Each structure stands twice: as C-alpha cells, then as structure tokens.
N, C-alpha and C. Protein backbone atom coordinates (compact mmCIF):
# COMPACT_ATOMS: atom_id res chain seq x y z
N MET A 1 0.82 -1.19 0.00
CA MET A 1 0.00 0.00 0.00
C MET A 1 0.86 1.26 0.00
N LYS A 2 2.03 1.19 0.60
CA LYS A 2 2.89 2.36 0.70
C LYS A 2 3.32 2.86 -0.67
N HIS A 3 3.41 1.98 -1.62
CA HIS A 3 3.92 2.35 -2.93
C HIS A 3 2.80 2.57 -3.95
N SER A 4 1.56 2.51 -3.51
CA SER A 4 0.43 2.72 -4.41
C SER A 4 0.29 4.20 -4.75
N ALA A 5 -0.01 4.48 -6.00
CA ALA A 5 -0.19 5.88 -6.43
C ALA A 5 -1.44 6.48 -5.81
N PHE A 6 -2.42 5.64 -5.51
CA PHE A 6 -3.66 6.14 -4.93
C PHE A 6 -3.50 6.50 -3.45
N TYR A 7 -2.42 6.10 -2.83
CA TYR A 7 -2.16 6.42 -1.42
C TYR A 7 -2.04 7.92 -1.22
N LYS A 8 -1.51 8.61 -2.19
CA LYS A 8 -1.26 10.05 -2.06
C LYS A 8 -2.55 10.86 -2.04
N ILE A 9 -3.60 10.38 -2.66
CA ILE A 9 -4.85 11.14 -2.75
C ILE A 9 -5.44 11.39 -1.36
N PRO A 10 -5.67 10.37 -0.53
CA PRO A 10 -6.23 10.67 0.80
C PRO A 10 -5.26 11.43 1.70
N VAL A 11 -3.97 11.23 1.52
CA VAL A 11 -3.01 11.93 2.35
C VAL A 11 -3.01 13.42 2.02
N VAL A 12 -3.00 13.77 0.76
CA VAL A 12 -3.03 15.19 0.37
C VAL A 12 -4.34 15.83 0.81
N TYR A 13 -5.46 15.12 0.65
CA TYR A 13 -6.75 15.64 1.10
C TYR A 13 -6.72 15.86 2.61
N MET A 14 -6.18 14.90 3.35
CA MET A 14 -6.12 15.01 4.80
C MET A 14 -5.23 16.18 5.21
N LEU A 15 -4.11 16.40 4.52
CA LEU A 15 -3.22 17.51 4.86
C LEU A 15 -3.92 18.85 4.66
N ILE A 16 -4.59 19.02 3.54
CA ILE A 16 -5.32 20.27 3.28
C ILE A 16 -6.42 20.46 4.31
N TYR A 17 -7.16 19.42 4.57
CA TYR A 17 -8.28 19.47 5.52
C TYR A 17 -7.81 19.83 6.92
N THR A 18 -6.73 19.20 7.39
CA THR A 18 -6.27 19.48 8.75
C THR A 18 -5.66 20.87 8.88
N VAL A 19 -5.00 21.35 7.85
CA VAL A 19 -4.47 22.72 7.91
C VAL A 19 -5.63 23.72 7.97
N LEU A 20 -6.69 23.48 7.20
CA LEU A 20 -7.85 24.37 7.26
C LEU A 20 -8.54 24.30 8.62
N ILE A 21 -8.64 23.13 9.21
CA ILE A 21 -9.21 23.00 10.55
C ILE A 21 -8.36 23.74 11.57
N LEU A 22 -7.06 23.63 11.46
CA LEU A 22 -6.15 24.30 12.39
C LEU A 22 -6.28 25.82 12.27
N ILE A 23 -6.33 26.32 11.05
CA ILE A 23 -6.47 27.77 10.84
C ILE A 23 -7.82 28.26 11.37
N SER A 24 -8.88 27.52 11.08
CA SER A 24 -10.20 27.96 11.56
C SER A 24 -10.29 27.87 13.08
N GLY A 25 -9.64 26.90 13.69
CA GLY A 25 -9.62 26.81 15.16
C GLY A 25 -8.91 27.99 15.79
N LEU A 26 -7.76 28.35 15.24
CA LEU A 26 -7.05 29.52 15.75
C LEU A 26 -7.87 30.80 15.55
N TRP A 27 -8.50 30.92 14.39
CA TRP A 27 -9.31 32.09 14.09
C TRP A 27 -10.49 32.19 15.06
N LEU A 28 -11.19 31.08 15.31
CA LEU A 28 -12.31 31.09 16.24
C LEU A 28 -11.87 31.40 17.66
N PHE A 29 -10.70 30.91 18.06
CA PHE A 29 -10.18 31.24 19.38
C PHE A 29 -9.93 32.74 19.50
N LEU A 30 -9.29 33.33 18.49
CA LEU A 30 -9.02 34.76 18.54
C LEU A 30 -10.31 35.58 18.51
N LEU A 31 -11.29 35.15 17.73
CA LEU A 31 -12.57 35.86 17.70
C LEU A 31 -13.27 35.79 19.05
N SER A 32 -13.20 34.64 19.71
CA SER A 32 -13.84 34.52 21.02
C SER A 32 -13.15 35.34 22.09
N GLN A 33 -11.91 35.72 21.84
CA GLN A 33 -11.17 36.53 22.81
C GLN A 33 -11.26 38.02 22.50
N GLY A 34 -12.03 38.41 21.50
CA GLY A 34 -12.25 39.82 21.22
C GLY A 34 -11.51 40.36 20.02
N PHE A 35 -10.94 39.52 19.20
CA PHE A 35 -10.24 39.98 18.00
C PHE A 35 -11.25 40.44 16.97
N ASP A 36 -11.08 41.65 16.46
CA ASP A 36 -11.91 42.14 15.37
C ASP A 36 -11.05 43.01 14.46
N THR A 37 -11.67 43.64 13.49
CA THR A 37 -10.90 44.39 12.51
C THR A 37 -10.31 45.66 13.09
N ILE A 38 -10.91 46.21 14.15
CA ILE A 38 -10.40 47.44 14.74
C ILE A 38 -9.18 47.15 15.62
N GLU A 39 -9.27 46.09 16.36
CA GLU A 39 -8.22 45.76 17.33
C GLU A 39 -7.14 44.93 16.64
N SER A 40 -5.90 45.16 16.99
CA SER A 40 -4.81 44.41 16.37
C SER A 40 -4.61 43.06 17.06
N LEU A 41 -3.86 42.22 16.43
CA LEU A 41 -3.59 40.89 16.97
C LEU A 41 -2.78 40.98 18.26
N THR A 42 -1.82 41.87 18.33
CA THR A 42 -1.02 41.98 19.55
C THR A 42 -1.86 42.46 20.73
N ASN A 43 -2.80 43.35 20.49
CA ASN A 43 -3.68 43.79 21.57
C ASN A 43 -4.55 42.65 22.07
N THR A 44 -5.04 41.82 21.15
CA THR A 44 -5.86 40.67 21.54
C THR A 44 -5.04 39.69 22.37
N LEU A 45 -3.81 39.42 21.96
CA LEU A 45 -2.96 38.50 22.72
C LEU A 45 -2.62 39.06 24.09
N GLN A 46 -2.41 40.37 24.17
CA GLN A 46 -2.16 40.99 25.47
C GLN A 46 -3.39 40.89 26.37
N ASN A 47 -4.57 41.05 25.78
CA ASN A 47 -5.80 40.89 26.57
C ASN A 47 -5.95 39.46 27.08
N VAL A 48 -5.59 38.48 26.25
CA VAL A 48 -5.67 37.08 26.68
C VAL A 48 -4.72 36.84 27.85
N ILE A 49 -3.53 37.42 27.78
CA ILE A 49 -2.55 37.22 28.85
C ILE A 49 -2.97 37.95 30.12
N ASN A 50 -3.37 39.21 29.99
CA ASN A 50 -3.69 40.02 31.18
C ASN A 50 -5.04 39.69 31.79
N THR A 51 -6.07 39.57 30.97
CA THR A 51 -7.42 39.29 31.47
C THR A 51 -8.07 38.22 30.61
N PRO A 52 -7.80 36.95 30.89
CA PRO A 52 -8.42 35.89 30.09
C PRO A 52 -9.94 35.91 30.27
N ALA A 53 -10.64 35.44 29.26
CA ALA A 53 -12.10 35.43 29.31
C ALA A 53 -12.58 34.58 30.47
N ASP A 54 -13.56 35.12 31.20
CA ASP A 54 -14.12 34.39 32.34
C ASP A 54 -14.85 33.15 31.83
N LYS A 55 -14.58 32.06 32.49
CA LYS A 55 -15.23 30.79 32.15
C LYS A 55 -15.73 30.15 33.43
N SER A 56 -16.88 29.51 33.33
CA SER A 56 -17.36 28.71 34.44
C SER A 56 -16.96 27.27 34.20
N ILE A 57 -17.05 26.46 35.22
CA ILE A 57 -16.70 25.05 35.07
C ILE A 57 -17.64 24.38 34.07
N GLU A 58 -18.92 24.72 34.14
CA GLU A 58 -19.89 24.15 33.21
C GLU A 58 -19.58 24.57 31.77
N GLY A 59 -19.21 25.84 31.59
CA GLY A 59 -18.88 26.32 30.25
C GLY A 59 -17.65 25.65 29.68
N VAL A 60 -16.66 25.42 30.53
CA VAL A 60 -15.44 24.75 30.07
C VAL A 60 -15.73 23.30 29.72
N ILE A 61 -16.52 22.63 30.54
CA ILE A 61 -16.86 21.23 30.25
C ILE A 61 -17.65 21.13 28.95
N GLU A 62 -18.51 22.12 28.71
CA GLU A 62 -19.28 22.15 27.47
C GLU A 62 -18.37 22.31 26.25
N VAL A 63 -17.28 23.03 26.41
CA VAL A 63 -16.33 23.23 25.31
C VAL A 63 -15.35 22.05 25.21
N VAL A 64 -14.92 21.53 26.35
CA VAL A 64 -13.90 20.48 26.39
C VAL A 64 -14.40 19.17 25.77
N THR A 65 -15.63 18.81 26.02
CA THR A 65 -16.14 17.51 25.57
C THR A 65 -16.03 17.32 24.06
N PRO A 66 -16.56 18.23 23.22
CA PRO A 66 -16.40 18.00 21.78
C PRO A 66 -14.95 18.17 21.32
N HIS A 67 -14.18 19.02 22.02
CA HIS A 67 -12.78 19.20 21.62
C HIS A 67 -11.97 17.95 21.87
N LEU A 68 -12.22 17.28 22.98
CA LEU A 68 -11.50 16.02 23.25
C LEU A 68 -11.76 15.01 22.14
N PHE A 69 -13.00 14.90 21.72
CA PHE A 69 -13.34 13.95 20.65
C PHE A 69 -12.75 14.37 19.32
N ALA A 70 -12.93 15.64 18.95
CA ALA A 70 -12.51 16.11 17.62
C ALA A 70 -10.99 16.13 17.49
N ILE A 71 -10.31 16.71 18.46
CA ILE A 71 -8.85 16.78 18.39
C ILE A 71 -8.24 15.39 18.49
N GLY A 72 -8.79 14.57 19.36
CA GLY A 72 -8.30 13.19 19.48
C GLY A 72 -8.46 12.41 18.19
N SER A 73 -9.61 12.57 17.53
CA SER A 73 -9.84 11.87 16.25
C SER A 73 -8.88 12.38 15.18
N LEU A 74 -8.67 13.68 15.14
CA LEU A 74 -7.77 14.26 14.14
C LEU A 74 -6.33 13.77 14.34
N ILE A 75 -5.88 13.78 15.58
CA ILE A 75 -4.53 13.28 15.87
C ILE A 75 -4.44 11.80 15.51
N PHE A 76 -5.48 11.05 15.83
CA PHE A 76 -5.52 9.62 15.54
C PHE A 76 -5.35 9.36 14.05
N VAL A 77 -6.06 10.11 13.21
CA VAL A 77 -5.98 9.93 11.76
C VAL A 77 -4.59 10.32 11.24
N VAL A 78 -4.10 11.48 11.67
CA VAL A 78 -2.79 11.94 11.20
C VAL A 78 -1.69 10.97 11.65
N ALA A 79 -1.76 10.52 12.88
CA ALA A 79 -0.74 9.59 13.38
C ALA A 79 -0.78 8.26 12.64
N HIS A 80 -1.96 7.82 12.23
CA HIS A 80 -2.05 6.56 11.50
C HIS A 80 -1.49 6.67 10.08
N PHE A 81 -1.57 7.84 9.49
CA PHE A 81 -0.92 8.01 8.19
C PHE A 81 0.60 7.89 8.33
N MET A 82 1.10 8.22 9.50
CA MET A 82 2.55 8.08 9.74
C MET A 82 2.98 6.61 9.75
N LEU A 83 2.06 5.69 10.05
CA LEU A 83 2.41 4.27 10.05
C LEU A 83 2.82 3.78 8.67
N PHE A 84 2.30 4.43 7.63
CA PHE A 84 2.59 3.99 6.26
C PHE A 84 3.81 4.69 5.68
N SER A 85 4.45 5.52 6.46
CA SER A 85 5.61 6.26 5.97
C SER A 85 6.83 5.35 5.88
N THR A 86 7.54 5.45 4.77
CA THR A 86 8.78 4.71 4.62
C THR A 86 9.99 5.61 4.88
N LYS A 87 9.75 6.93 5.00
CA LYS A 87 10.84 7.88 5.16
C LYS A 87 11.03 8.34 6.60
N VAL A 88 10.03 8.17 7.44
CA VAL A 88 10.10 8.60 8.84
C VAL A 88 10.08 7.36 9.73
N PRO A 89 11.04 7.23 10.64
CA PRO A 89 11.05 6.05 11.52
C PRO A 89 9.79 5.97 12.38
N GLN A 90 9.29 4.75 12.57
CA GLN A 90 8.08 4.57 13.36
C GLN A 90 8.28 4.99 14.81
N ASN A 91 9.49 4.83 15.33
CA ASN A 91 9.77 5.24 16.69
C ASN A 91 9.56 6.74 16.87
N LEU A 92 10.02 7.52 15.90
CA LEU A 92 9.85 8.98 15.95
C LEU A 92 8.38 9.35 15.83
N SER A 93 7.66 8.72 14.92
CA SER A 93 6.24 9.05 14.74
C SER A 93 5.42 8.67 15.98
N LEU A 94 5.77 7.58 16.65
CA LEU A 94 5.08 7.18 17.87
C LEU A 94 5.31 8.21 18.98
N LYS A 95 6.56 8.62 19.16
CA LYS A 95 6.87 9.61 20.19
C LYS A 95 6.19 10.94 19.90
N LEU A 96 6.18 11.35 18.64
CA LEU A 96 5.55 12.61 18.28
C LEU A 96 4.04 12.55 18.48
N ALA A 97 3.43 11.41 18.19
CA ALA A 97 1.98 11.27 18.40
C ALA A 97 1.64 11.36 19.89
N ILE A 98 2.45 10.73 20.73
CA ILE A 98 2.21 10.80 22.18
C ILE A 98 2.39 12.23 22.69
N VAL A 99 3.43 12.90 22.23
CA VAL A 99 3.66 14.30 22.61
C VAL A 99 2.49 15.17 22.14
N LEU A 100 1.98 14.89 20.96
CA LEU A 100 0.86 15.65 20.42
C LEU A 100 -0.39 15.47 21.28
N PHE A 101 -0.67 14.25 21.71
CA PHE A 101 -1.81 14.01 22.61
C PHE A 101 -1.62 14.75 23.94
N VAL A 102 -0.41 14.74 24.48
CA VAL A 102 -0.14 15.43 25.75
C VAL A 102 -0.35 16.94 25.60
N PHE A 103 0.17 17.52 24.52
CA PHE A 103 -0.02 18.96 24.29
C PHE A 103 -1.49 19.29 24.05
N ALA A 104 -2.22 18.41 23.38
CA ALA A 104 -3.65 18.64 23.17
C ALA A 104 -4.40 18.66 24.49
N LEU A 105 -4.10 17.72 25.37
CA LEU A 105 -4.74 17.71 26.69
C LEU A 105 -4.36 18.95 27.49
N PHE A 106 -3.10 19.33 27.42
CA PHE A 106 -2.62 20.53 28.09
C PHE A 106 -3.37 21.76 27.56
N ASP A 107 -3.58 21.81 26.25
CA ASP A 107 -4.30 22.92 25.64
C ASP A 107 -5.77 22.92 26.07
N ILE A 108 -6.41 21.78 26.02
CA ILE A 108 -7.83 21.70 26.33
C ILE A 108 -8.10 22.01 27.80
N PHE A 109 -7.26 21.54 28.69
CA PHE A 109 -7.51 21.72 30.12
C PHE A 109 -6.82 22.94 30.72
N SER A 110 -6.24 23.79 29.88
CA SER A 110 -5.55 24.97 30.42
C SER A 110 -6.51 25.95 31.08
N TYR A 111 -7.75 26.00 30.61
CA TYR A 111 -8.72 26.90 31.25
C TYR A 111 -9.06 26.45 32.67
N PHE A 112 -8.95 25.15 32.95
CA PHE A 112 -9.19 24.70 34.33
C PHE A 112 -8.16 25.31 35.28
N ALA A 113 -6.93 25.46 34.80
CA ALA A 113 -5.90 26.09 35.64
C ALA A 113 -6.25 27.55 35.92
N ILE A 114 -6.86 28.22 34.96
CA ILE A 114 -7.26 29.61 35.15
C ILE A 114 -8.46 29.68 36.10
N ILE A 115 -9.44 28.79 35.92
CA ILE A 115 -10.64 28.80 36.76
C ILE A 115 -10.29 28.53 38.22
N PHE A 116 -9.43 27.55 38.46
CA PHE A 116 -9.11 27.16 39.83
C PHE A 116 -7.99 27.99 40.44
N GLY A 117 -7.50 29.00 39.74
CA GLY A 117 -6.51 29.91 40.29
C GLY A 117 -5.08 29.43 40.23
N LEU A 118 -4.81 28.36 39.50
CA LEU A 118 -3.43 27.88 39.37
C LEU A 118 -2.61 28.81 38.49
N ALA A 119 -3.27 29.51 37.59
CA ALA A 119 -2.61 30.50 36.74
C ALA A 119 -3.47 31.76 36.77
N VAL A 120 -2.83 32.88 36.97
CA VAL A 120 -3.58 34.13 37.08
C VAL A 120 -3.69 34.87 35.75
N SER A 121 -3.03 34.38 34.73
CA SER A 121 -3.11 35.02 33.43
C SER A 121 -3.33 33.96 32.35
N GLY A 122 -3.61 34.43 31.16
CA GLY A 122 -3.87 33.52 30.05
C GLY A 122 -2.62 33.03 29.36
N TRP A 123 -1.44 33.28 29.92
CA TRP A 123 -0.20 32.82 29.28
C TRP A 123 -0.20 31.31 29.14
N ILE A 124 -0.82 30.61 30.09
CA ILE A 124 -0.82 29.15 30.03
C ILE A 124 -1.63 28.66 28.82
N LYS A 125 -2.72 29.37 28.49
CA LYS A 125 -3.51 29.00 27.32
C LYS A 125 -2.73 29.26 26.04
N LEU A 126 -2.08 30.42 25.96
CA LEU A 126 -1.29 30.72 24.76
C LEU A 126 -0.11 29.78 24.61
N LEU A 127 0.56 29.45 25.70
CA LEU A 127 1.69 28.51 25.66
C LEU A 127 1.22 27.13 25.22
N SER A 128 0.14 26.67 25.81
CA SER A 128 -0.35 25.33 25.47
C SER A 128 -0.83 25.26 24.03
N MET A 129 -1.51 26.30 23.56
CA MET A 129 -1.97 26.30 22.18
C MET A 129 -0.79 26.37 21.22
N SER A 130 0.21 27.17 21.55
CA SER A 130 1.39 27.27 20.69
C SER A 130 2.13 25.95 20.58
N LEU A 131 2.32 25.27 21.71
CA LEU A 131 2.99 23.97 21.70
C LEU A 131 2.20 22.95 20.88
N PHE A 132 0.88 22.96 21.03
CA PHE A 132 0.06 22.03 20.28
C PHE A 132 0.13 22.32 18.78
N VAL A 133 -0.02 23.59 18.39
CA VAL A 133 0.00 23.94 16.97
C VAL A 133 1.35 23.62 16.35
N LEU A 134 2.44 23.95 17.03
CA LEU A 134 3.77 23.68 16.49
C LEU A 134 4.02 22.19 16.33
N SER A 135 3.65 21.40 17.33
CA SER A 135 3.87 19.96 17.22
C SER A 135 2.95 19.35 16.17
N PHE A 136 1.75 19.88 16.02
CA PHE A 136 0.84 19.38 15.00
C PHE A 136 1.36 19.72 13.61
N LEU A 137 1.89 20.92 13.45
CA LEU A 137 2.48 21.29 12.15
C LEU A 137 3.69 20.42 11.83
N LEU A 138 4.46 20.05 12.85
CA LEU A 138 5.59 19.14 12.65
C LEU A 138 5.10 17.79 12.17
N MET A 139 4.02 17.28 12.81
CA MET A 139 3.47 15.99 12.40
C MET A 139 2.92 16.06 10.98
N ILE A 140 2.23 17.13 10.63
CA ILE A 140 1.71 17.27 9.27
C ILE A 140 2.87 17.38 8.27
N GLY A 141 3.92 18.09 8.65
CA GLY A 141 5.08 18.18 7.79
C GLY A 141 5.72 16.82 7.55
N LEU A 142 5.79 16.00 8.58
CA LEU A 142 6.35 14.65 8.40
C LEU A 142 5.46 13.79 7.51
N VAL A 143 4.15 13.96 7.66
CA VAL A 143 3.24 13.21 6.77
C VAL A 143 3.44 13.68 5.34
N GLY A 144 3.57 14.98 5.13
CA GLY A 144 3.82 15.50 3.79
C GLY A 144 5.15 15.02 3.24
N LEU A 145 6.16 14.92 4.10
CA LEU A 145 7.46 14.42 3.69
C LEU A 145 7.39 12.95 3.28
N SER A 146 6.48 12.22 3.89
CA SER A 146 6.39 10.78 3.60
C SER A 146 5.73 10.50 2.26
N LEU A 147 5.18 11.52 1.62
CA LEU A 147 4.62 11.29 0.28
C LEU A 147 5.74 11.00 -0.65
C-alpha cells in the first residue's frame, strides 16, 4: 500500500483538511477573545494574557467535551498516516503522536488552571496552544514528507 499511487490522494486531502481545521480553530479562538478588525492581533494576545475570558466550570466542560473527541480523532488519523511512511522512523512518529496528545490535553484543560486559580493570566492558554499547533504542524510536515 505504501507504494500505491492512490495512497497520495487521501493523504493530500487530509493535509489540506487538517491545515484548514487548524487555521479555523485559531481564528475562532481569537474571535472569542475579542479579536476584530479594529483591534490588532497583539492587543488581543495581550488581553488574553492580562485578562483571560471568564469561564465557568460548566462552560469549560461544554467546550472540552467535543474538543476532546474532535482533536483526538484528528490526531488519531494523522498519526495513523505516519504508520505507512517509509521515510520517517516509526519510533519517531510514535513519540511525536504521544507528545501531540499530551499537548492537546494541556491545551484543552488549560482553562481549568485559570478557573481554579493555578494561573492568574492567560499565558498558560497561549503557551499550550502554541505547543500544540507547532507539534501538529511538525506531524503534518512529516506526513507530507512521507509522500
């Protein structure tokens, strides 16, 4: 299957699809934090750090539940495409997939740290999202390299 010409079709589709999901997720996060055409991106990020949006435990659970399923499924699909790679060692792809799951959980549950007072600013959310996005882009890049 690794050498089939038809293998590239679902992989390329998946790469485009996941990049669009990632961009739309970042865009929706910035919009929910007050980003608009008048305000600049740096001002929005400063607002996230200084005064993160108030969340209740019920509101976070309402957001976390579909995110756990959706992000987990997306990582699952991308990581499984790595199994068919002949250019990337399976040991590396396994470690990267585990790191990606850890960063995703860190990203999803970062608001709990803000709610319970473990973090007084939104830096933990920005850090966790940045780590997740960077590691996910690395995984997508490796999948693209395996074509």
